[in-house]
Amino acid sequence: MAKQLAFYVDLNKCSGCKACQIACKDKSSLPIGVRWRRVFQYEGGEWINQNGQMIPSNVYAYSVSSACMHCEKPICMEVCPTSAISKRDDGIVLINADMCIGCRYCSWACPYGAPQFNEELNVMTKCDMCHDLVDKGERPACVESCPYRAMDFGELEELQAKYGTFADPAPLPDSSITGPAVVYKPNKVTKSSDTGNGHLMNLEEL
């Protein structure tokens, strides 16, 4: 396997504080409405009838920090009509703003909705894994900002060897679609993409 840099998120430690999201916006000076990293608040449960009373059962809630997954099979790159999207030798997927025509095909194709249109620049933008910091041997801003140390960064194979290979927490899509460069450590209530029966509680923020 070629070198592939990746993110790791421990869902046991993630509190949904959004420090990673804020650090990303600050580091890249993103305008209002553009969020390269987003934190999904996912909740669910059911009601059961107990002696005529409806009682909540199997209630759960957790947060999932997500950004561009710098996928093994980046669909965004496949659909771009101007070849503005490329994948570096270290696996980081980038958008060349000089070649982008803002058609939004990449956003429509990406199952994670990672590419986002910047109206000020009139081009598509997305998480670039803070490649300027990575090139200096540093870690992405989101990883460094996490107050609970719920995030890590490194080569995918090393992260998988250390933390496992789970990459399908609901509400994210099936990882087999694009082969995302990410590892999630599930907590005891985490649902997988194919079994999640909950719903997003912070749609207005996404």
N, C-alpha and C. Protein backbone atom coordinates (compact mmCIF):
# COMPACT_ATOMS: atom_id res chain seq x y z
N MET A 1 0.84 -1.20 0.00
CA MET A 1 0.00 0.00 0.00
C MET A 1 0.87 1.24 0.00
N ALA A 2 0.56 2.20 -0.87
CA ALA A 2 1.30 3.45 -0.92
C ALA A 2 1.06 4.24 0.36
N LYS A 3 1.96 5.15 0.64
CA LYS A 3 1.81 5.96 1.83
C LYS A 3 0.49 6.72 1.80
N GLN A 4 -0.23 6.71 2.90
CA GLN A 4 -1.51 7.41 2.98
C GLN A 4 -1.65 8.03 4.36
N LEU A 5 -1.58 9.35 4.44
CA LEU A 5 -1.79 10.05 5.70
C LEU A 5 -3.28 10.01 6.03
N ALA A 6 -3.59 9.99 7.32
CA ALA A 6 -4.98 9.80 7.74
C ALA A 6 -5.25 10.45 9.09
N PHE A 7 -6.54 10.58 9.39
CA PHE A 7 -7.00 11.09 10.69
C PHE A 7 -7.49 9.92 11.56
N TYR A 8 -7.45 10.14 12.86
CA TYR A 8 -8.03 9.21 13.83
C TYR A 8 -8.87 10.01 14.81
N VAL A 9 -10.04 9.47 15.15
CA VAL A 9 -10.92 10.13 16.12
C VAL A 9 -11.42 9.07 17.11
N ASP A 10 -11.23 9.34 18.40
CA ASP A 10 -11.72 8.46 19.46
C ASP A 10 -13.09 8.96 19.89
N LEU A 11 -14.14 8.23 19.54
CA LEU A 11 -15.50 8.65 19.86
C LEU A 11 -15.81 8.52 21.34
N ASN A 12 -14.96 7.82 22.08
CA ASN A 12 -15.11 7.76 23.53
C ASN A 12 -14.74 9.09 24.17
N LYS A 13 -13.81 9.80 23.55
CA LYS A 13 -13.30 11.04 24.12
C LYS A 13 -13.94 12.29 23.52
N CYS A 14 -14.46 12.18 22.30
CA CYS A 14 -15.02 13.36 21.63
C CYS A 14 -16.28 13.83 22.36
N SER A 15 -16.26 15.08 22.82
CA SER A 15 -17.39 15.65 23.55
C SER A 15 -18.31 16.49 22.67
N GLY A 16 -17.91 16.67 21.40
CA GLY A 16 -18.70 17.52 20.51
C GLY A 16 -18.47 18.99 20.75
N CYS A 17 -17.34 19.36 21.33
CA CYS A 17 -17.08 20.77 21.68
C CYS A 17 -16.80 21.65 20.46
N LYS A 18 -16.44 21.03 19.35
CA LYS A 18 -16.18 21.71 18.09
C LYS A 18 -14.90 22.56 18.07
N ALA A 19 -14.00 22.29 19.01
CA ALA A 19 -12.72 23.00 18.99
C ALA A 19 -11.97 22.70 17.69
N CYS A 20 -12.08 21.47 17.20
CA CYS A 20 -11.41 21.10 15.94
C CYS A 20 -11.98 21.89 14.78
N GLN A 21 -13.29 22.07 14.78
CA GLN A 21 -13.97 22.82 13.72
C GLN A 21 -13.56 24.28 13.73
N ILE A 22 -13.48 24.86 14.92
CA ILE A 22 -13.09 26.26 15.06
C ILE A 22 -11.64 26.47 14.67
N ALA A 23 -10.79 25.53 15.08
CA ALA A 23 -9.36 25.65 14.73
C ALA A 23 -9.17 25.58 13.23
N CYS A 24 -9.95 24.73 12.56
CA CYS A 24 -9.87 24.61 11.10
C CYS A 24 -10.28 25.91 10.43
N LYS A 25 -11.40 26.48 10.87
CA LYS A 25 -11.87 27.74 10.28
C LYS A 25 -10.87 28.86 10.49
N ASP A 26 -10.29 28.91 11.69
CA ASP A 26 -9.33 29.96 12.00
C ASP A 26 -8.04 29.79 11.20
N LYS A 27 -7.53 28.56 11.13
CA LYS A 27 -6.27 28.30 10.44
C LYS A 27 -6.37 28.66 8.96
N SER A 28 -7.51 28.36 8.33
CA SER A 28 -7.67 28.58 6.89
C SER A 28 -8.49 29.81 6.55
N SER A 29 -8.83 30.61 7.57
CA SER A 29 -9.59 31.86 7.36
C SER A 29 -10.84 31.62 6.52
N LEU A 30 -11.62 30.64 6.91
CA LEU A 30 -12.81 30.27 6.13
C LEU A 30 -13.95 31.25 6.38
N PRO A 31 -14.70 31.60 5.34
CA PRO A 31 -15.82 32.53 5.48
C PRO A 31 -17.01 31.87 6.18
N ILE A 32 -17.98 32.68 6.55
CA ILE A 32 -19.20 32.17 7.16
C ILE A 32 -19.88 31.17 6.23
N GLY A 33 -20.29 30.05 6.80
CA GLY A 33 -20.99 29.04 6.02
C GLY A 33 -20.10 27.95 5.45
N VAL A 34 -18.79 28.17 5.43
CA VAL A 34 -17.86 27.16 4.92
C VAL A 34 -17.19 26.48 6.10
N ARG A 35 -17.40 25.18 6.22
CA ARG A 35 -16.83 24.41 7.32
C ARG A 35 -16.14 23.19 6.74
N TRP A 36 -14.84 23.21 6.71
CA TRP A 36 -14.10 22.06 6.18
C TRP A 36 -14.18 20.88 7.14
N ARG A 37 -14.21 21.15 8.43
CA ARG A 37 -14.42 20.08 9.42
C ARG A 37 -15.75 20.35 10.11
N ARG A 38 -16.54 19.30 10.22
CA ARG A 38 -17.85 19.41 10.86
C ARG A 38 -17.99 18.36 11.95
N VAL A 39 -18.77 18.69 12.95
CA VAL A 39 -19.02 17.76 14.06
C VAL A 39 -20.50 17.41 14.05
N PHE A 40 -20.78 16.15 13.74
CA PHE A 40 -22.16 15.67 13.69
C PHE A 40 -22.60 15.20 15.08
N GLN A 41 -23.77 15.64 15.51
CA GLN A 41 -24.35 15.17 16.77
C GLN A 41 -25.46 14.18 16.43
N TYR A 42 -25.20 12.93 16.73
CA TYR A 42 -26.09 11.84 16.31
C TYR A 42 -26.76 11.22 17.52
N GLU A 43 -28.08 11.11 17.47
CA GLU A 43 -28.83 10.60 18.61
C GLU A 43 -29.92 9.65 18.14
N GLY A 44 -30.35 8.78 19.03
CA GLY A 44 -31.41 7.84 18.68
C GLY A 44 -31.95 7.12 19.90
N GLY A 45 -32.86 6.21 19.65
CA GLY A 45 -33.49 5.44 20.71
C GLY A 45 -34.88 5.03 20.28
N GLU A 46 -35.65 4.50 21.20
CA GLU A 46 -36.99 4.07 20.88
C GLU A 46 -37.89 4.17 22.11
N TRP A 47 -39.17 4.08 21.86
CA TRP A 47 -40.14 4.10 22.96
C TRP A 47 -40.78 2.72 23.07
N ILE A 48 -40.94 2.24 24.29
CA ILE A 48 -41.62 0.97 24.49
C ILE A 48 -42.83 1.18 25.41
N ASN A 49 -43.87 0.41 25.18
CA ASN A 49 -45.10 0.52 25.97
C ASN A 49 -44.97 -0.40 27.18
N GLN A 50 -44.96 0.22 28.35
CA GLN A 50 -44.84 -0.54 29.59
C GLN A 50 -46.02 -0.21 30.49
N ASN A 51 -46.97 -1.15 30.55
CA ASN A 51 -48.17 -0.96 31.36
C ASN A 51 -48.92 0.32 30.99
N GLY A 52 -49.00 0.56 29.69
CA GLY A 52 -49.75 1.71 29.20
C GLY A 52 -48.96 3.01 29.17
N GLN A 53 -47.72 2.99 29.62
CA GLN A 53 -46.89 4.18 29.59
C GLN A 53 -45.76 3.98 28.57
N MET A 54 -45.48 5.03 27.83
CA MET A 54 -44.40 4.98 26.85
C MET A 54 -43.09 5.35 27.54
N ILE A 55 -42.15 4.41 27.55
CA ILE A 55 -40.89 4.58 28.26
C ILE A 55 -39.74 4.61 27.25
N PRO A 56 -38.84 5.59 27.35
CA PRO A 56 -37.69 5.61 26.43
C PRO A 56 -36.77 4.42 26.68
N SER A 57 -36.25 3.85 25.59
CA SER A 57 -35.39 2.67 25.71
C SER A 57 -34.25 2.76 24.69
N ASN A 58 -33.11 2.21 25.05
CA ASN A 58 -31.95 2.16 24.16
C ASN A 58 -31.58 3.54 23.62
N VAL A 59 -31.68 4.54 24.49
CA VAL A 59 -31.35 5.91 24.10
C VAL A 59 -29.83 6.07 24.00
N TYR A 60 -29.38 6.74 22.95
CA TYR A 60 -27.94 6.95 22.79
C TYR A 60 -27.67 8.29 22.12
N ALA A 61 -26.46 8.79 22.29
CA ALA A 61 -26.04 10.05 21.66
C ALA A 61 -24.52 10.08 21.62
N TYR A 62 -23.98 10.55 20.51
CA TYR A 62 -22.54 10.72 20.41
C TYR A 62 -22.21 11.71 19.30
N SER A 63 -20.99 12.18 19.28
CA SER A 63 -20.54 13.15 18.29
C SER A 63 -19.50 12.52 17.38
N VAL A 64 -19.51 12.93 16.11
CA VAL A 64 -18.56 12.42 15.12
C VAL A 64 -17.91 13.60 14.40
N SER A 65 -16.62 13.77 14.59
CA SER A 65 -15.87 14.82 13.89
C SER A 65 -15.46 14.28 12.52
N SER A 66 -15.75 15.06 11.48
CA SER A 66 -15.51 14.58 10.11
C SER A 66 -15.05 15.72 9.21
N ALA A 67 -14.19 15.38 8.27
CA ALA A 67 -13.73 16.34 7.26
C ALA A 67 -13.51 15.57 5.97
N CYS A 68 -12.80 16.16 5.02
CA CYS A 68 -12.43 15.39 3.83
C CYS A 68 -11.66 14.16 4.27
N MET A 69 -11.98 13.02 3.71
CA MET A 69 -11.38 11.76 4.12
C MET A 69 -10.14 11.39 3.31
N HIS A 70 -9.77 12.21 2.33
CA HIS A 70 -8.57 11.96 1.52
C HIS A 70 -8.54 10.49 1.09
N CYS A 71 -9.60 10.13 0.41
CA CYS A 71 -9.94 8.74 0.14
C CYS A 71 -8.95 8.01 -0.77
N GLU A 72 -8.96 6.70 -0.62
CA GLU A 72 -8.18 5.84 -1.51
C GLU A 72 -8.71 5.96 -2.94
N LYS A 73 -10.04 6.06 -3.06
CA LYS A 73 -10.70 6.22 -4.36
C LYS A 73 -11.51 7.52 -4.34
N PRO A 74 -10.85 8.67 -4.45
CA PRO A 74 -11.56 9.94 -4.35
C PRO A 74 -12.50 10.20 -5.54
N ILE A 75 -13.79 10.06 -5.30
CA ILE A 75 -14.78 10.29 -6.35
C ILE A 75 -14.73 11.73 -6.83
N CYS A 76 -14.41 12.64 -5.94
CA CYS A 76 -14.33 14.05 -6.32
C CYS A 76 -13.33 14.26 -7.45
N MET A 77 -12.22 13.55 -7.37
CA MET A 77 -11.17 13.65 -8.39
C MET A 77 -11.64 13.05 -9.71
N GLU A 78 -12.40 11.97 -9.63
CA GLU A 78 -12.88 11.29 -10.83
C GLU A 78 -13.85 12.16 -11.63
N VAL A 79 -14.71 12.92 -10.93
CA VAL A 79 -15.76 13.67 -11.62
C VAL A 79 -15.35 15.08 -12.02
N CYS A 80 -14.25 15.58 -11.51
CA CYS A 80 -13.85 16.96 -11.82
C CYS A 80 -13.55 17.12 -13.31
N PRO A 81 -14.28 18.01 -14.01
CA PRO A 81 -14.12 18.14 -15.46
C PRO A 81 -12.84 18.87 -15.88
N THR A 82 -12.18 19.54 -14.94
CA THR A 82 -10.97 20.29 -15.29
C THR A 82 -9.71 19.70 -14.68
N SER A 83 -9.84 18.54 -14.04
CA SER A 83 -8.70 17.89 -13.38
C SER A 83 -8.07 18.81 -12.33
N ALA A 84 -8.92 19.57 -11.64
CA ALA A 84 -8.43 20.50 -10.62
C ALA A 84 -8.10 19.79 -9.31
N ILE A 85 -8.55 18.55 -9.19
CA ILE A 85 -8.34 17.80 -7.95
C ILE A 85 -7.28 16.73 -8.18
N SER A 86 -6.33 16.67 -7.28
CA SER A 86 -5.23 15.70 -7.41
C SER A 86 -4.92 15.08 -6.06
N LYS A 87 -4.22 13.96 -6.10
CA LYS A 87 -3.84 13.24 -4.88
C LYS A 87 -2.33 13.18 -4.80
N ARG A 88 -1.76 13.70 -3.74
CA ARG A 88 -0.31 13.71 -3.58
C ARG A 88 0.22 12.32 -3.28
N ASP A 89 1.53 12.18 -3.32
CA ASP A 89 2.16 10.90 -3.04
C ASP A 89 1.93 10.44 -1.59
N ASP A 90 1.63 11.39 -0.71
CA ASP A 90 1.36 11.02 0.68
C ASP A 90 -0.13 10.83 0.94
N GLY A 91 -0.94 10.87 -0.15
CA GLY A 91 -2.36 10.60 -0.03
C GLY A 91 -3.25 11.80 0.20
N ILE A 92 -2.68 12.97 0.40
CA ILE A 92 -3.49 14.17 0.61
C ILE A 92 -4.13 14.60 -0.71
N VAL A 93 -5.45 14.81 -0.68
CA VAL A 93 -6.20 15.22 -1.86
C VAL A 93 -6.39 16.73 -1.83
N LEU A 94 -5.99 17.40 -2.91
CA LEU A 94 -6.02 18.87 -2.96
C LEU A 94 -6.83 19.37 -4.15
N ILE A 95 -7.36 20.58 -4.01
CA ILE A 95 -8.04 21.27 -5.11
C ILE A 95 -7.17 22.43 -5.56
N ASN A 96 -6.88 22.50 -6.85
CA ASN A 96 -6.13 23.61 -7.43
C ASN A 96 -7.12 24.71 -7.79
N ALA A 97 -7.12 25.79 -7.01
CA ALA A 97 -8.09 26.87 -7.20
C ALA A 97 -7.96 27.53 -8.57
N ASP A 98 -6.76 27.51 -9.13
CA ASP A 98 -6.55 28.15 -10.44
C ASP A 98 -7.21 27.36 -11.57
N MET A 99 -7.46 26.08 -11.32
CA MET A 99 -8.07 25.23 -12.35
C MET A 99 -9.56 25.00 -12.10
N CYS A 100 -10.01 25.26 -10.89
CA CYS A 100 -11.41 25.00 -10.51
C CYS A 100 -12.34 26.02 -11.16
N ILE A 101 -13.47 25.53 -11.70
CA ILE A 101 -14.47 26.42 -12.31
C ILE A 101 -15.73 26.53 -11.45
N GLY A 102 -15.69 25.94 -10.26
CA GLY A 102 -16.81 26.08 -9.34
C GLY A 102 -18.08 25.38 -9.77
N CYS A 103 -17.96 24.31 -10.53
CA CYS A 103 -19.15 23.63 -11.05
C CYS A 103 -19.88 22.81 -10.00
N ARG A 104 -19.21 22.50 -8.89
CA ARG A 104 -19.77 21.76 -7.75
C ARG A 104 -19.98 20.27 -7.99
N TYR A 105 -19.49 19.75 -9.10
CA TYR A 105 -19.62 18.31 -9.34
C TYR A 105 -18.99 17.50 -8.20
N CYS A 106 -17.85 17.97 -7.69
CA CYS A 106 -17.16 17.24 -6.63
C CYS A 106 -18.00 17.16 -5.37
N SER A 107 -18.68 18.25 -5.06
CA SER A 107 -19.53 18.28 -3.87
C SER A 107 -20.71 17.32 -3.99
N TRP A 108 -21.30 17.30 -5.18
CA TRP A 108 -22.45 16.41 -5.41
C TRP A 108 -22.03 14.94 -5.37
N ALA A 109 -20.83 14.64 -5.82
CA ALA A 109 -20.37 13.25 -5.90
C ALA A 109 -19.85 12.72 -4.57
N CYS A 110 -19.27 13.58 -3.76
CA CYS A 110 -18.63 13.14 -2.52
C CYS A 110 -19.69 12.66 -1.51
N PRO A 111 -19.60 11.42 -1.03
CA PRO A 111 -20.59 10.93 -0.07
C PRO A 111 -20.50 11.61 1.28
N TYR A 112 -19.39 12.30 1.53
CA TYR A 112 -19.20 13.00 2.80
C TYR A 112 -19.55 14.49 2.69
N GLY A 113 -19.81 14.96 1.48
CA GLY A 113 -20.11 16.38 1.30
C GLY A 113 -18.94 17.27 1.67
N ALA A 114 -17.73 16.76 1.51
CA ALA A 114 -16.55 17.50 1.97
C ALA A 114 -16.24 18.76 1.16
N PRO A 115 -16.24 18.71 -0.19
CA PRO A 115 -15.96 19.93 -0.95
C PRO A 115 -17.10 20.95 -0.76
N GLN A 116 -16.73 22.19 -0.49
CA GLN A 116 -17.73 23.23 -0.27
C GLN A 116 -17.40 24.46 -1.11
N PHE A 117 -18.45 25.10 -1.59
CA PHE A 117 -18.27 26.26 -2.48
C PHE A 117 -17.99 27.52 -1.67
N ASN A 118 -16.92 28.20 -2.03
CA ASN A 118 -16.56 29.47 -1.40
C ASN A 118 -17.02 30.58 -2.32
N GLU A 119 -18.08 31.27 -1.94
CA GLU A 119 -18.64 32.32 -2.79
C GLU A 119 -17.70 33.49 -2.97
N GLU A 120 -16.86 33.76 -1.98
CA GLU A 120 -15.92 34.87 -2.09
C GLU A 120 -14.88 34.61 -3.17
N LEU A 121 -14.45 33.36 -3.27
CA LEU A 121 -13.42 32.99 -4.24
C LEU A 121 -14.00 32.40 -5.52
N ASN A 122 -15.29 32.01 -5.47
CA ASN A 122 -16.00 31.41 -6.61
C ASN A 122 -15.37 30.09 -7.04
N VAL A 123 -14.88 29.34 -6.06
CA VAL A 123 -14.28 28.02 -6.34
C VAL A 123 -14.68 27.04 -5.24
N MET A 124 -14.47 25.76 -5.52
CA MET A 124 -14.69 24.74 -4.51
C MET A 124 -13.47 24.68 -3.58
N THR A 125 -13.73 24.42 -2.31
CA THR A 125 -12.65 24.31 -1.33
C THR A 125 -12.95 23.12 -0.41
N LYS A 126 -11.93 22.66 0.29
CA LYS A 126 -12.13 21.57 1.24
C LYS A 126 -10.90 21.43 2.13
N CYS A 127 -11.02 20.55 3.11
CA CYS A 127 -9.88 20.25 3.99
C CYS A 127 -8.67 19.83 3.16
N ASP A 128 -7.56 20.48 3.41
CA ASP A 128 -6.31 20.11 2.72
C ASP A 128 -5.33 19.44 3.67
N MET A 129 -5.85 18.98 4.82
CA MET A 129 -5.07 18.28 5.84
C MET A 129 -3.93 19.16 6.35
N CYS A 130 -4.12 20.49 6.25
CA CYS A 130 -3.08 21.43 6.67
C CYS A 130 -1.72 21.02 6.11
N HIS A 131 -1.70 20.80 4.78
CA HIS A 131 -0.48 20.25 4.17
C HIS A 131 0.73 21.14 4.35
N ASP A 132 0.49 22.45 4.55
CA ASP A 132 1.63 23.34 4.79
C ASP A 132 2.29 23.02 6.13
N LEU A 133 1.48 22.66 7.12
CA LEU A 133 2.03 22.26 8.42
C LEU A 133 2.64 20.86 8.33
N VAL A 134 1.93 19.95 7.65
CA VAL A 134 2.43 18.59 7.50
C VAL A 134 3.79 18.57 6.81
N ASP A 135 3.96 19.43 5.81
CA ASP A 135 5.23 19.49 5.09
C ASP A 135 6.38 19.97 5.97
N LYS A 136 6.03 20.61 7.09
CA LYS A 136 7.05 21.06 8.05
C LYS A 136 7.21 20.09 9.20
N GLY A 137 6.53 18.94 9.10
CA GLY A 137 6.64 17.94 10.15
C GLY A 137 5.69 18.17 11.31
N GLU A 138 4.70 19.07 11.14
CA GLU A 138 3.73 19.35 12.18
C GLU A 138 2.42 18.62 11.90
N ARG A 139 1.48 18.71 12.84
CA ARG A 139 0.20 18.03 12.68
C ARG A 139 -0.89 19.04 12.33
N PRO A 140 -1.98 18.58 11.71
CA PRO A 140 -3.07 19.48 11.35
C PRO A 140 -3.64 20.23 12.56
N ALA A 141 -4.16 21.42 12.29
CA ALA A 141 -4.66 22.29 13.36
C ALA A 141 -5.78 21.63 14.16
N CYS A 142 -6.65 20.88 13.48
CA CYS A 142 -7.77 20.24 14.19
C CYS A 142 -7.26 19.26 15.23
N VAL A 143 -6.24 18.50 14.87
CA VAL A 143 -5.68 17.48 15.76
C VAL A 143 -5.04 18.15 16.98
N GLU A 144 -4.27 19.21 16.73
CA GLU A 144 -3.57 19.90 17.81
C GLU A 144 -4.52 20.61 18.76
N SER A 145 -5.70 20.99 18.25
CA SER A 145 -6.61 21.82 19.06
C SER A 145 -7.49 21.03 20.00
N CYS A 146 -7.62 19.73 19.79
CA CYS A 146 -8.58 18.93 20.57
C CYS A 146 -8.21 18.93 22.05
N PRO A 147 -9.06 19.49 22.93
CA PRO A 147 -8.71 19.57 24.35
C PRO A 147 -8.73 18.21 25.05
N TYR A 148 -9.42 17.22 24.46
CA TYR A 148 -9.51 15.90 25.07
C TYR A 148 -8.55 14.89 24.43
N ARG A 149 -7.74 15.37 23.50
CA ARG A 149 -6.81 14.52 22.77
C ARG A 149 -7.54 13.32 22.16
N ALA A 150 -8.70 13.65 21.56
CA ALA A 150 -9.51 12.60 20.92
C ALA A 150 -9.06 12.34 19.49
N MET A 151 -8.14 13.15 18.98
CA MET A 151 -7.72 13.02 17.60
C MET A 151 -6.23 12.69 17.50
N ASP A 152 -5.91 12.00 16.41
CA ASP A 152 -4.51 11.69 16.12
C ASP A 152 -4.33 11.78 14.61
N PHE A 153 -3.10 11.71 14.16
CA PHE A 153 -2.77 11.89 12.75
C PHE A 153 -1.52 11.10 12.44
N GLY A 154 -1.48 10.49 11.25
CA GLY A 154 -0.30 9.75 10.86
C GLY A 154 -0.58 8.89 9.64
N GLU A 155 0.28 7.92 9.39
CA GLU A 155 0.06 7.03 8.25
C GLU A 155 -1.08 6.07 8.58
N LEU A 156 -1.94 5.83 7.60
CA LEU A 156 -3.14 5.03 7.81
C LEU A 156 -2.82 3.64 8.37
N GLU A 157 -1.84 2.96 7.79
CA GLU A 157 -1.51 1.61 8.25
C GLU A 157 -1.06 1.62 9.72
N GLU A 158 -0.33 2.64 10.12
CA GLU A 158 0.12 2.73 11.50
C GLU A 158 -1.04 3.01 12.44
N LEU A 159 -1.94 3.89 12.02
CA LEU A 159 -3.12 4.19 12.84
C LEU A 159 -4.00 2.95 12.97
N GLN A 160 -4.16 2.21 11.88
CA GLN A 160 -4.98 1.00 11.92
C GLN A 160 -4.36 -0.06 12.82
N ALA A 161 -3.05 -0.17 12.77
CA ALA A 161 -2.36 -1.14 13.63
C ALA A 161 -2.51 -0.77 15.10
N LYS A 162 -2.59 0.51 15.37
CA LYS A 162 -2.66 1.00 16.75
C LYS A 162 -4.09 1.04 17.28
N TYR A 163 -5.04 1.45 16.41
CA TYR A 163 -6.40 1.71 16.87
C TYR A 163 -7.48 0.80 16.27
N GLY A 164 -7.18 0.05 15.23
CA GLY A 164 -8.20 -0.75 14.57
C GLY A 164 -8.55 -0.17 13.20
N THR A 165 -9.56 -0.73 12.57
CA THR A 165 -9.88 -0.34 11.19
C THR A 165 -11.29 0.21 11.02
N PHE A 166 -12.01 0.44 12.12
CA PHE A 166 -13.40 0.91 12.01
C PHE A 166 -13.45 2.30 11.37
N ALA A 167 -14.26 2.43 10.31
CA ALA A 167 -14.37 3.72 9.60
C ALA A 167 -15.81 4.03 9.23
N ASP A 168 -16.77 3.36 9.90
CA ASP A 168 -18.17 3.47 9.49
C ASP A 168 -19.13 3.91 10.60
N PRO A 169 -18.82 4.92 11.39
CA PRO A 169 -19.80 5.31 12.40
C PRO A 169 -20.98 6.04 11.75
N ALA A 170 -22.19 5.66 12.10
CA ALA A 170 -23.34 6.45 11.66
C ALA A 170 -23.20 7.84 12.29
N PRO A 171 -23.50 8.91 11.55
CA PRO A 171 -24.25 8.98 10.30
C PRO A 171 -23.40 8.99 9.03
N LEU A 172 -22.13 8.62 9.10
CA LEU A 172 -21.29 8.63 7.92
C LEU A 172 -21.65 7.47 6.99
N PRO A 173 -21.35 7.60 5.70
CA PRO A 173 -21.69 6.54 4.73
C PRO A 173 -20.77 5.34 4.82
N ASP A 174 -21.14 4.29 4.13
CA ASP A 174 -20.36 3.06 4.06
C ASP A 174 -18.96 3.37 3.53
N SER A 175 -17.94 2.97 4.27
CA SER A 175 -16.57 3.29 3.89
C SER A 175 -16.11 2.58 2.62
N SER A 176 -16.82 1.53 2.21
CA SER A 176 -16.41 0.79 1.01
C SER A 176 -16.61 1.61 -0.26
N ILE A 177 -17.37 2.69 -0.18
CA ILE A 177 -17.66 3.50 -1.36
C ILE A 177 -16.39 4.17 -1.90
N THR A 178 -15.60 4.76 -0.98
CA THR A 178 -14.43 5.52 -1.42
C THR A 178 -13.13 5.13 -0.72
N GLY A 179 -13.18 4.30 0.31
CA GLY A 179 -11.97 3.94 1.04
C GLY A 179 -11.38 5.13 1.78
N PRO A 180 -12.10 5.70 2.75
CA PRO A 180 -11.63 6.89 3.46
C PRO A 180 -10.38 6.63 4.29
N ALA A 181 -9.50 7.63 4.34
CA ALA A 181 -8.27 7.53 5.14
C ALA A 181 -8.58 8.03 6.55
N VAL A 182 -9.28 7.21 7.31
CA VAL A 182 -9.68 7.61 8.66
C VAL A 182 -9.89 6.35 9.50
N VAL A 183 -9.67 6.49 10.78
CA VAL A 183 -9.97 5.43 11.74
C VAL A 183 -10.76 6.06 12.88
N TYR A 184 -11.88 5.43 13.23
CA TYR A 184 -12.68 5.87 14.38
C TYR A 184 -12.64 4.77 15.44
N LYS A 185 -12.45 5.17 16.68
CA LYS A 185 -12.59 4.23 17.79
C LYS A 185 -14.01 4.37 18.32
N PRO A 186 -14.85 3.36 18.15
CA PRO A 186 -16.25 3.48 18.58
C PRO A 186 -16.37 3.46 20.10
N ASN A 187 -17.42 4.13 20.61
CA ASN A 187 -17.74 3.97 22.03
C ASN A 187 -18.82 2.90 22.16
N LYS A 188 -19.32 2.68 23.35
CA LYS A 188 -20.22 1.53 23.56
C LYS A 188 -21.59 1.71 22.91
N VAL A 189 -21.92 2.94 22.49
CA VAL A 189 -23.23 3.14 21.85
C VAL A 189 -23.12 3.47 20.36
N THR A 190 -21.91 3.51 19.82
CA THR A 190 -21.73 3.86 18.41
C THR A 190 -22.42 2.86 17.50
N LYS A 191 -23.20 3.39 16.55
CA LYS A 191 -23.85 2.56 15.55
C LYS A 191 -23.02 2.59 14.27
N SER A 192 -23.02 1.51 13.53
CA SER A 192 -22.33 1.48 12.25
C SER A 192 -23.23 2.05 11.17
N SER A 193 -22.65 2.37 10.05
CA SER A 193 -23.39 3.01 8.96
C SER A 193 -24.60 2.20 8.52
N ASP A 194 -24.49 0.88 8.59
CA ASP A 194 -25.57 0.03 8.10
C ASP A 194 -26.61 -0.32 9.16
N THR A 195 -26.37 0.10 10.41
CA THR A 195 -27.33 -0.20 11.47
C THR A 195 -27.87 1.04 12.17
N GLY A 196 -27.34 2.19 11.83
CA GLY A 196 -27.76 3.42 12.49
C GLY A 196 -29.24 3.71 12.26
N ASN A 197 -29.98 3.92 13.35
CA ASN A 197 -31.40 4.25 13.24
C ASN A 197 -31.73 5.57 13.91
N GLY A 198 -30.70 6.38 14.11
CA GLY A 198 -30.89 7.66 14.77
C GLY A 198 -31.05 8.80 13.78
N HIS A 199 -30.80 10.01 14.27
CA HIS A 199 -30.95 11.18 13.41
C HIS A 199 -29.99 12.27 13.89
N LEU A 200 -29.68 13.19 12.99
CA LEU A 200 -28.79 14.31 13.31
C LEU A 200 -29.55 15.35 14.10
N MET A 201 -28.92 15.86 15.14
CA MET A 201 -29.56 16.85 16.00
C MET A 201 -29.08 18.28 15.73
N ASN A 202 -28.11 18.44 14.86
CA ASN A 202 -27.57 19.79 14.63
C ASN A 202 -27.51 20.12 13.13
N LEU A 203 -28.57 19.78 12.41
CA LEU A 203 -28.60 20.03 10.97
C LEU A 203 -28.36 21.49 10.62
N GLU A 204 -28.83 22.40 11.47
CA GLU A 204 -28.70 23.83 11.17
C GLU A 204 -27.25 24.29 11.20
N GLU A 205 -26.37 23.48 11.79
CA GLU A 205 -24.97 23.85 11.89
C GLU A 205 -24.13 23.26 10.77
N LEU A 206 -24.66 22.36 9.97
CA LEU A 206 -23.85 21.60 9.02
C LEU A 206 -23.86 22.21 7.63
